[in-house]
Every structure is written in structure tokens, then in C-alpha cells.
């Protein structure tokens, strides 16, 4: 029997695994009143695709951009709305086919990706019997083993500049559409990986951090610098 084609995902995308803070959220972690929060720089007007513009995106918008880009390239994209992504942020299919042609992992980290993350994607590819992989890393990669591992596994490595280059290779309409989608509304406040909602600024014993609105039910937190 022919397998059913996966459901496409337009507005949602799986969140990347964020860097969790070591300190667990406790009773002293209170929401910071608006008047006491650190000043937020005015959002710059984004009129074109540049590396600086790309760096403005919080991690989930970065993933949504990845999904939108591959949809603009004509792929059917399968994602997970939120929760653990199993090492894959997007699975790419050609229209009408049930077998994936590639898997994609995204990292909007402030530090370069190391070889461990690339090897993890290679392991997932092997497990799912997918021969092609793509890694999106906003801050690039570090260490010679990264390229060697990627070459062996059939993984294409894209850094921030490479991503901008590929978006700018699209026609003007698709570029403008992606720009509008990526920078609509609040595109800088990070999203909770577990709940899929915007986080709020909280204050704990170690200082300010991003916490989930669903605390104490959800204790996911991110560094205020993320």
C-alpha cells in the first residue's frame, strides 16, 4: 500500500533546542514589571535581506524562515509544532513523493556550531535512511572536523552569510514575501521550546532571564542574552 503523503506545515515549525540555564526556576523567579525591565532597542526597519537583519530573528523565527525558504524552493516541508524535534527541524519532500529527499537542522546560536551537532544530524540521517542533510547555523561552524564530518555524511553547511546569499537568489517576489513573514510582529522575543509561546523576562538570584509564561507548569528558561 502506498504510504500517505505527510501533512505540510505552513505557519508552524519545530523549535530548536535552546540553551537551558543551569539554575532551575523557583519561587524567587518573578516576572519583571515593565518599568524595571532592561530597555529594548527600537526595532530597526528591515527593508532587505542582510546578515544583520538575519541576526535580529529569535530562534523560532529563524526556523520559520528556513521552512518558508524551502517551501519557496518548491519543497513540501514536514515539521513538528513544538517540543523535542528528534534532531530534525524540517524534512523535505518533492511534491507527490512520500520518501524524503533531505533533512534540515537549524541553530540560531550566538556561538558557532561544533562537530558534535553535525555528527548528531548525520546519525539521524542514517537512522531515517536519508542521504542528504542541510545544517543552518547563524554563527557558522568551528573546527576542521566539522567540514570533514559534513562531507562524509552528505551534509551541506550554511552559515548566516550563505543563508542570506541563497535567499537573495530567489526572485524578488519570494524574497519580499519571506521578508514580510519573518519580520512581522514580535520577531525578537524568544519562544518557549516546550510550549510554543513567547517567553517573558523574569528575575532570579542570578539576574534577569527569559522564562515561560506557563511557569511553574513549564520551567524552560533562556539566558537574557539569547
C-alpha atoms as a PDB file:
ATOM      1  CA  UNK A   1       0.000   0.000   0.000  1.00  0.00           C
ATOM      2  CA  UNK A   2       1.333   3.428  -0.875  1.00  0.00           C
ATOM      3  CA  UNK A   3       2.220   5.486   2.194  1.00  0.00           C
ATOM      4  CA  UNK A   4       0.148   8.569   2.815  1.00  0.00           C
ATOM      5  CA  UNK A   5       1.931  11.774   1.969  1.00  0.00           C
ATOM      6  CA  UNK A   6       2.920  13.789   5.064  1.00  0.00           C
ATOM      7  CA  UNK A   7       0.875  16.798   6.038  1.00  0.00           C
ATOM      8  CA  UNK A   8       2.505  20.076   5.095  1.00  0.00           C
ATOM      9  CA  UNK A   9       3.277  22.721   7.640  1.00  0.00           C
ATOM     10  CA  UNK A  10       2.862  26.358   6.688  1.00  0.00           C
ATOM     11  CA  UNK A  11       2.580  28.514   9.796  1.00  0.00           C
ATOM     12  CA  UNK A  12       4.390  26.319  12.289  1.00  0.00           C
ATOM     13  CA  UNK A  13       7.844  24.913  12.687  1.00  0.00           C
ATOM     14  CA  UNK A  14       9.647  22.869  15.312  1.00  0.00           C
ATOM     15  CA  UNK A  15      11.639  24.938  17.737  1.00  0.00           C
ATOM     16  CA  UNK A  16      15.313  24.413  18.066  1.00  0.00           C
ATOM     17  CA  UNK A  17      16.676  23.004  21.247  1.00  0.00           C
ATOM     18  CA  UNK A  18      17.620  26.164  23.185  1.00  0.00           C
ATOM     19  CA  UNK A  19      20.453  26.523  25.645  1.00  0.00           C
ATOM     20  CA  UNK A  20      18.896  25.810  29.011  1.00  0.00           C
ATOM     21  CA  UNK A  21      20.027  27.770  32.028  1.00  0.00           C
ATOM     22  CA  UNK A  22      21.541  25.737  34.809  1.00  0.00           C
ATOM     23  CA  UNK A  23      19.511  27.333  37.623  1.00  0.00           C
ATOM     24  CA  UNK A  24      16.045  25.840  37.985  1.00  0.00           C
ATOM     25  CA  UNK A  25      13.109  28.239  38.152  1.00  0.00           C
ATOM     26  CA  UNK A  26      11.987  28.710  41.717  1.00  0.00           C
ATOM     27  CA  UNK A  27       9.651  30.827  43.787  1.00  0.00           C
ATOM     28  CA  UNK A  28      12.108  33.724  43.665  1.00  0.00           C
ATOM     29  CA  UNK A  29      11.873  33.909  39.880  1.00  0.00           C
ATOM     30  CA  UNK A  30       9.370  36.736  39.416  1.00  0.00           C
ATOM     31  CA  UNK A  31       8.184  38.489  36.287  1.00  0.00           C
ATOM     32  CA  UNK A  32       9.953  41.827  35.976  1.00  0.00           C
ATOM     33  CA  UNK A  33       7.491  44.756  35.858  1.00  0.00           C
ATOM     34  CA  UNK A  34       7.660  46.684  32.553  1.00  0.00           C
ATOM     35  CA  UNK A  35       9.064  49.785  34.264  1.00  0.00           C
ATOM     36  CA  UNK A  36      12.010  47.788  35.666  1.00  0.00           C
ATOM     37  CA  UNK A  37      12.891  45.817  32.545  1.00  0.00           C
ATOM     38  CA  UNK A  38      16.061  46.487  30.618  1.00  0.00           C
ATOM     39  CA  UNK A  39      15.407  48.946  27.795  1.00  0.00           C
ATOM     40  CA  UNK A  40      14.700  47.221  24.498  1.00  0.00           C
ATOM     41  CA  UNK A  41      16.344  48.880  21.498  1.00  0.00           C
ATOM     42  CA  UNK A  42      13.881  50.166  18.946  1.00  0.00           C
ATOM     43  CA  UNK A  43      13.276  47.605  16.228  1.00  0.00           C
ATOM     44  CA  UNK A  44      15.199  48.631  13.120  1.00  0.00           C
ATOM     45  CA  UNK A  45      13.293  48.908   9.887  1.00  0.00           C
ATOM     46  CA  UNK A  46      14.150  45.861   7.795  1.00  0.00           C
ATOM     47  CA  UNK A  47      13.927  46.555   4.077  1.00  0.00           C
ATOM     48  CA  UNK A  48      16.256  43.937   2.626  1.00  0.00           C
ATOM     49  CA  UNK A  49      17.976  40.652   3.408  1.00  0.00           C
ATOM     50  CA  UNK A  50      21.310  41.186   5.155  1.00  0.00           C
ATOM     51  CA  UNK A  51      23.278  39.263   7.771  1.00  0.00           C
ATOM     52  CA  UNK A  52      22.485  41.963  10.345  1.00  0.00           C
ATOM     53  CA  UNK A  53      18.776  41.551   9.598  1.00  0.00           C
ATOM     54  CA  UNK A  54      19.044  37.779   9.972  1.00  0.00           C
ATOM     55  CA  UNK A  55      20.649  38.172  13.406  1.00  0.00           C
ATOM     56  CA  UNK A  56      17.584  40.064  14.647  1.00  0.00           C
ATOM     57  CA  UNK A  57      15.421  36.931  14.481  1.00  0.00           C
ATOM     58  CA  UNK A  58      14.708  34.865  17.577  1.00  0.00           C
ATOM     59  CA  UNK A  59      15.330  31.136  17.153  1.00  0.00           C
ATOM     60  CA  UNK A  60      11.798  30.142  16.187  1.00  0.00           C
ATOM     61  CA  UNK A  61      11.501  32.853  13.544  1.00  0.00           C
ATOM     62  CA  UNK A  62      14.831  31.615  12.231  1.00  0.00           C
ATOM     63  CA  UNK A  63      13.315  28.143  11.871  1.00  0.00           C
ATOM     64  CA  UNK A  64      10.155  29.519  10.273  1.00  0.00           C
ATOM     65  CA  UNK A  65      12.358  31.327   7.770  1.00  0.00           C
ATOM     66  CA  UNK A  66      14.060  28.014   6.972  1.00  0.00           C
ATOM     67  CA  UNK A  67      10.694  26.356   6.365  1.00  0.00           C
ATOM     68  CA  UNK A  68       9.488  29.281   4.253  1.00  0.00           C
ATOM     69  CA  UNK A  69      12.644  29.245   2.162  1.00  0.00           C
ATOM     70  CA  UNK A  70      12.338  25.580   1.237  1.00  0.00           C
ATOM     71  CA  UNK A  71       8.634  25.969   0.507  1.00  0.00           C
ATOM     72  CA  UNK A  72       9.567  28.846  -1.802  1.00  0.00           C
ATOM     73  CA  UNK A  73      12.008  26.449  -3.473  1.00  0.00           C
ATOM     74  CA  UNK A  74       9.103  24.107  -4.211  1.00  0.00           C
ATOM     75  CA  UNK A  75       9.562  21.503  -1.487  1.00  0.00           C
ATOM     76  CA  UNK A  76       6.849  20.063   0.733  1.00  0.00           C
ATOM     77  CA  UNK A  77       8.088  20.591   4.296  1.00  0.00           C
ATOM     78  CA  UNK A  78       7.169  18.454   7.289  1.00  0.00           C
ATOM     79  CA  UNK A  79       7.794  19.878  10.772  1.00  0.00           C
ATOM     80  CA  UNK A  80       6.827  19.485  14.424  1.00  0.00           C
ATOM     81  CA  UNK A  81       4.943  22.449  16.014  1.00  0.00           C
ATOM     82  CA  UNK A  82       6.853  22.373  19.338  1.00  0.00           C
ATOM     83  CA  UNK A  83       8.529  20.008  21.760  1.00  0.00           C
ATOM     84  CA  UNK A  84      11.514  17.710  21.100  1.00  0.00           C
ATOM     85  CA  UNK A  85      12.471  17.724  17.424  1.00  0.00           C
ATOM     86  CA  UNK A  86      14.369  14.440  17.420  1.00  0.00           C
ATOM     87  CA  UNK A  87      17.381  16.132  15.818  1.00  0.00           C
ATOM     88  CA  UNK A  88      15.459  17.328  12.742  1.00  0.00           C
ATOM     89  CA  UNK A  89      13.828  20.735  12.346  1.00  0.00           C
ATOM     90  CA  UNK A  90      12.471  20.153   8.835  1.00  0.00           C
ATOM     91  CA  UNK A  91      12.085  17.197   6.493  1.00  0.00           C
ATOM     92  CA  UNK A  92      11.971  18.000   2.786  1.00  0.00           C
ATOM     93  CA  UNK A  93       9.903  16.130   0.198  1.00  0.00           C
ATOM     94  CA  UNK A  94       9.396  16.643  -3.502  1.00  0.00           C
ATOM     95  CA  UNK A  95       5.761  17.176  -4.410  1.00  0.00           C
ATOM     96  CA  UNK A  96       3.969  13.891  -4.992  1.00  0.00           C
ATOM     97  CA  UNK A  97       6.662  11.743  -3.383  1.00  0.00           C
ATOM     98  CA  UNK A  98       6.455  10.015   0.001  1.00  0.00           C
ATOM     99  CA  UNK A  99      10.195   9.485   0.522  1.00  0.00           C
ATOM    100  CA  UNK A 100      12.126  12.466   1.986  1.00  0.00           C
ATOM    101  CA  UNK A 101      14.943  13.927  -0.078  1.00  0.00           C
ATOM    102  CA  UNK A 102      16.689  15.764   2.775  1.00  0.00           C
ATOM    103  CA  UNK A 103      16.519  16.729   6.440  1.00  0.00           C
ATOM    104  CA  UNK A 104      17.421  20.119   7.904  1.00  0.00           C
ATOM    105  CA  UNK A 105      18.689  21.223  11.309  1.00  0.00           C
ATOM    106  CA  UNK A 106      18.768  24.887  12.375  1.00  0.00           C
ATOM    107  CA  UNK A 107      20.770  26.600  15.114  1.00  0.00           C
ATOM    108  CA  UNK A 108      20.344  30.319  15.767  1.00  0.00           C
ATOM    109  CA  UNK A 109      23.052  30.191  18.418  1.00  0.00           C
ATOM    110  CA  UNK A 110      25.322  33.133  19.214  1.00  0.00           C
ATOM    111  CA  UNK A 111      28.310  30.742  19.130  1.00  0.00           C
ATOM    112  CA  UNK A 112      29.497  28.602  16.203  1.00  0.00           C
ATOM    113  CA  UNK A 113      28.282  25.017  15.911  1.00  0.00           C
ATOM    114  CA  UNK A 114      30.810  22.315  16.787  1.00  0.00           C
ATOM    115  CA  UNK A 115      31.317  18.887  15.285  1.00  0.00           C
ATOM    116  CA  UNK A 116      29.061  17.135  17.819  1.00  0.00           C
ATOM    117  CA  UNK A 117      25.917  18.762  16.402  1.00  0.00           C
ATOM    118  CA  UNK A 118      26.899  17.884  12.823  1.00  0.00           C
ATOM    119  CA  UNK A 119      27.589  14.273  13.803  1.00  0.00           C
ATOM    120  CA  UNK A 120      24.218  14.134  15.538  1.00  0.00           C
ATOM    121  CA  UNK A 121      22.480  15.172  12.311  1.00  0.00           C
ATOM    122  CA  UNK A 122      24.480  12.526  10.434  1.00  0.00           C
ATOM    123  CA  UNK A 123      23.249   9.933  12.923  1.00  0.00           C
ATOM    124  CA  UNK A 124      19.637  10.951  12.401  1.00  0.00           C
ATOM    125  CA  UNK A 125      20.103  10.783   8.638  1.00  0.00           C
ATOM    126  CA  UNK A 126      21.450   7.248   8.949  1.00  0.00           C
ATOM    127  CA  UNK A 127      18.571   6.237  11.227  1.00  0.00           C
ATOM    128  CA  UNK A 128      15.959   7.585   8.806  1.00  0.00           C
ATOM    129  CA  UNK A 129      17.859   6.419   5.695  1.00  0.00           C
ATOM    130  CA  UNK A 130      18.061   9.925   4.239  1.00  0.00           C
ATOM    131  CA  UNK A 131      21.127  10.609   2.105  1.00  0.00           C
ATOM    132  CA  UNK A 132      21.125  14.415   2.158  1.00  0.00           C
ATOM    133  CA  UNK A 133      21.228  16.850   5.049  1.00  0.00           C
ATOM    134  CA  UNK A 134      21.410  20.628   5.431  1.00  0.00           C
ATOM    135  CA  UNK A 135      22.626  22.482   8.500  1.00  0.00           C
ATOM    136  CA  UNK A 136      21.681  26.130   9.072  1.00  0.00           C
ATOM    137  CA  UNK A 137      23.952  27.807  11.629  1.00  0.00           C
ATOM    138  CA  UNK A 138      23.540  31.535  12.095  1.00  0.00           C
ATOM    139  CA  UNK A 139      27.016  31.884  13.647  1.00  0.00           C
ATOM    140  CA  UNK A 140      28.830  29.425  11.418  1.00  0.00           C
ATOM    141  CA  UNK A 141      30.984  26.470  12.453  1.00  0.00           C
ATOM    142  CA  UNK A 142      34.231  25.916  14.327  1.00  0.00           C
ATOM    143  CA  UNK A 143      36.908  23.278  13.942  1.00  0.00           C
ATOM    144  CA  UNK A 144      38.232  21.319  10.979  1.00  0.00           C
ATOM    145  CA  UNK A 145      36.352  18.100  11.915  1.00  0.00           C
ATOM    146  CA  UNK A 146      33.037  19.866  11.208  1.00  0.00           C
ATOM    147  CA  UNK A 147      33.643  20.055   7.455  1.00  0.00           C
ATOM    148  CA  UNK A 148      35.161  16.581   7.339  1.00  0.00           C
ATOM    149  CA  UNK A 149      32.152  15.053   9.115  1.00  0.00           C
ATOM    150  CA  UNK A 150      29.726  17.003   6.925  1.00  0.00           C
ATOM    151  CA  UNK A 151      31.467  15.881   3.731  1.00  0.00           C
ATOM    152  CA  UNK A 152      31.388  12.225   4.777  1.00  0.00           C
ATOM    153  CA  UNK A 153      27.706  12.359   5.709  1.00  0.00           C
ATOM    154  CA  UNK A 154      26.493  14.394   2.721  1.00  0.00           C
ATOM    155  CA  UNK A 155      25.558  17.438   4.808  1.00  0.00           C
ATOM    156  CA  UNK A 156      25.556  20.927   3.322  1.00  0.00           C
ATOM    157  CA  UNK A 157      26.773  23.543   5.814  1.00  0.00           C
ATOM    158  CA  UNK A 158      25.223  27.011   5.578  1.00  0.00           C
ATOM    159  CA  UNK A 159      26.276  29.912   7.773  1.00  0.00           C
ATOM    160  CA  UNK A 160      24.491  33.244   8.114  1.00  0.00           C
ATOM    161  CA  UNK A 161      26.106  34.760   5.031  1.00  0.00           C
ATOM    162  CA  UNK A 162      25.363  31.639   2.993  1.00  0.00           C
ATOM    163  CA  UNK A 163      21.713  31.710   4.036  1.00  0.00           C
ATOM    164  CA  UNK A 164      21.370  35.357   3.011  1.00  0.00           C
ATOM    165  CA  UNK A 165      23.032  34.573  -0.322  1.00  0.00           C
ATOM    166  CA  UNK A 166      20.534  31.806  -1.087  1.00  0.00           C
ATOM    167  CA  UNK A 167      17.528  33.893  -0.088  1.00  0.00           C
ATOM    168  CA  UNK A 168      18.761  36.719  -2.324  1.00  0.00           C
ATOM    169  CA  UNK A 169      18.977  34.254  -5.219  1.00  0.00           C
ATOM    170  CA  UNK A 170      15.180  33.877  -5.106  1.00  0.00           C
ATOM    171  CA  UNK A 171      13.028  36.096  -7.296  1.00  0.00           C
ATOM    172  CA  UNK A 172      12.061  39.477  -5.872  1.00  0.00           C
ATOM    173  CA  UNK A 173       8.506  38.455  -5.013  1.00  0.00           C
ATOM    174  CA  UNK A 174       9.612  35.439  -2.964  1.00  0.00           C
ATOM    175  CA  UNK A 175      12.292  37.485  -1.221  1.00  0.00           C
ATOM    176  CA  UNK A 176       9.755  40.159  -0.278  1.00  0.00           C
ATOM    177  CA  UNK A 177       7.252  37.563   0.921  1.00  0.00           C
ATOM    178  CA  UNK A 178       9.823  35.898   3.182  1.00  0.00           C
ATOM    179  CA  UNK A 179      10.930  39.283   4.498  1.00  0.00           C
ATOM    180  CA  UNK A 180       7.370  40.235   5.399  1.00  0.00           C
ATOM    181  CA  UNK A 181       6.718  36.915   7.119  1.00  0.00           C
ATOM    182  CA  UNK A 182       9.996  36.842   9.045  1.00  0.00           C
ATOM    183  CA  UNK A 183       9.810  40.374  10.427  1.00  0.00           C
ATOM    184  CA  UNK A 184       6.104  40.575  11.187  1.00  0.00           C
ATOM    185  CA  UNK A 185       5.121  41.424  14.766  1.00  0.00           C
ATOM    186  CA  UNK A 186       7.432  40.419  17.618  1.00  0.00           C
ATOM    187  CA  UNK A 187      10.311  38.628  15.938  1.00  0.00           C
ATOM    188  CA  UNK A 188      12.890  39.102  18.716  1.00  0.00           C
ATOM    189  CA  UNK A 189      11.360  37.815  21.965  1.00  0.00           C
ATOM    190  CA  UNK A 190      12.322  34.123  22.234  1.00  0.00           C
ATOM    191  CA  UNK A 191       9.705  31.376  22.135  1.00  0.00           C
ATOM    192  CA  UNK A 192       9.401  28.578  24.688  1.00  0.00           C
ATOM    193  CA  UNK A 193      10.583  25.352  23.072  1.00  0.00           C
ATOM    194  CA  UNK A 194       8.193  23.224  25.115  1.00  0.00           C
ATOM    195  CA  UNK A 195       5.013  25.310  24.863  1.00  0.00           C
ATOM    196  CA  UNK A 196       5.458  27.244  21.623  1.00  0.00           C
ATOM    197  CA  UNK A 197       4.544  30.620  23.154  1.00  0.00           C
ATOM    198  CA  UNK A 198       6.507  33.821  23.714  1.00  0.00           C
ATOM    199  CA  UNK A 199       8.579  33.956  26.878  1.00  0.00           C
ATOM    200  CA  UNK A 200       8.630  36.773  29.441  1.00  0.00           C
ATOM    201  CA  UNK A 201      11.517  38.479  31.177  1.00  0.00           C
ATOM    202  CA  UNK A 202      11.967  37.226  34.740  1.00  0.00           C
ATOM    203  CA  UNK A 203      14.407  37.929  37.544  1.00  0.00           C
ATOM    204  CA  UNK A 204      16.086  35.277  39.682  1.00  0.00           C
ATOM    205  CA  UNK A 205      19.000  35.126  42.093  1.00  0.00           C
ATOM    206  CA  UNK A 206      21.451  35.144  39.172  1.00  0.00           C
ATOM    207  CA  UNK A 207      19.797  38.092  37.418  1.00  0.00           C
ATOM    208  CA  UNK A 208      17.365  38.531  34.526  1.00  0.00           C
ATOM    209  CA  UNK A 209      16.438  35.682  32.196  1.00  0.00           C
ATOM    210  CA  UNK A 210      13.694  34.611  29.804  1.00  0.00           C
ATOM    211  CA  UNK A 211      11.088  32.335  31.397  1.00  0.00           C
ATOM    212  CA  UNK A 212       7.984  30.600  30.109  1.00  0.00           C
ATOM    213  CA  UNK A 213       4.594  32.231  30.677  1.00  0.00           C
ATOM    214  CA  UNK A 214       3.318  28.842  31.848  1.00  0.00           C
ATOM    215  CA  UNK A 215       5.629  28.727  34.877  1.00  0.00           C
ATOM    216  CA  UNK A 216       5.511  26.833  37.250  1.00  0.00           C
ATOM    217  CA  UNK A 217       3.998  24.218  34.945  1.00  0.00           C
ATOM    218  CA  UNK A 218       6.845  24.825  32.484  1.00  0.00           C
ATOM    219  CA  UNK A 219      10.307  25.657  33.805  1.00  0.00           C
ATOM    220  CA  UNK A 220      12.094  26.226  30.496  1.00  0.00           C
ATOM    221  CA  UNK A 221      14.327  29.268  30.652  1.00  0.00           C
ATOM    222  CA  UNK A 222      16.873  31.004  28.453  1.00  0.00           C
ATOM    223  CA  UNK A 223      19.722  33.378  29.086  1.00  0.00           C
ATOM    224  CA  UNK A 224      18.674  37.022  28.716  1.00  0.00           C
ATOM    225  CA  UNK A 225      21.438  37.309  26.097  1.00  0.00           C
ATOM    226  CA  UNK A 226      19.833  34.712  23.774  1.00  0.00           C
END
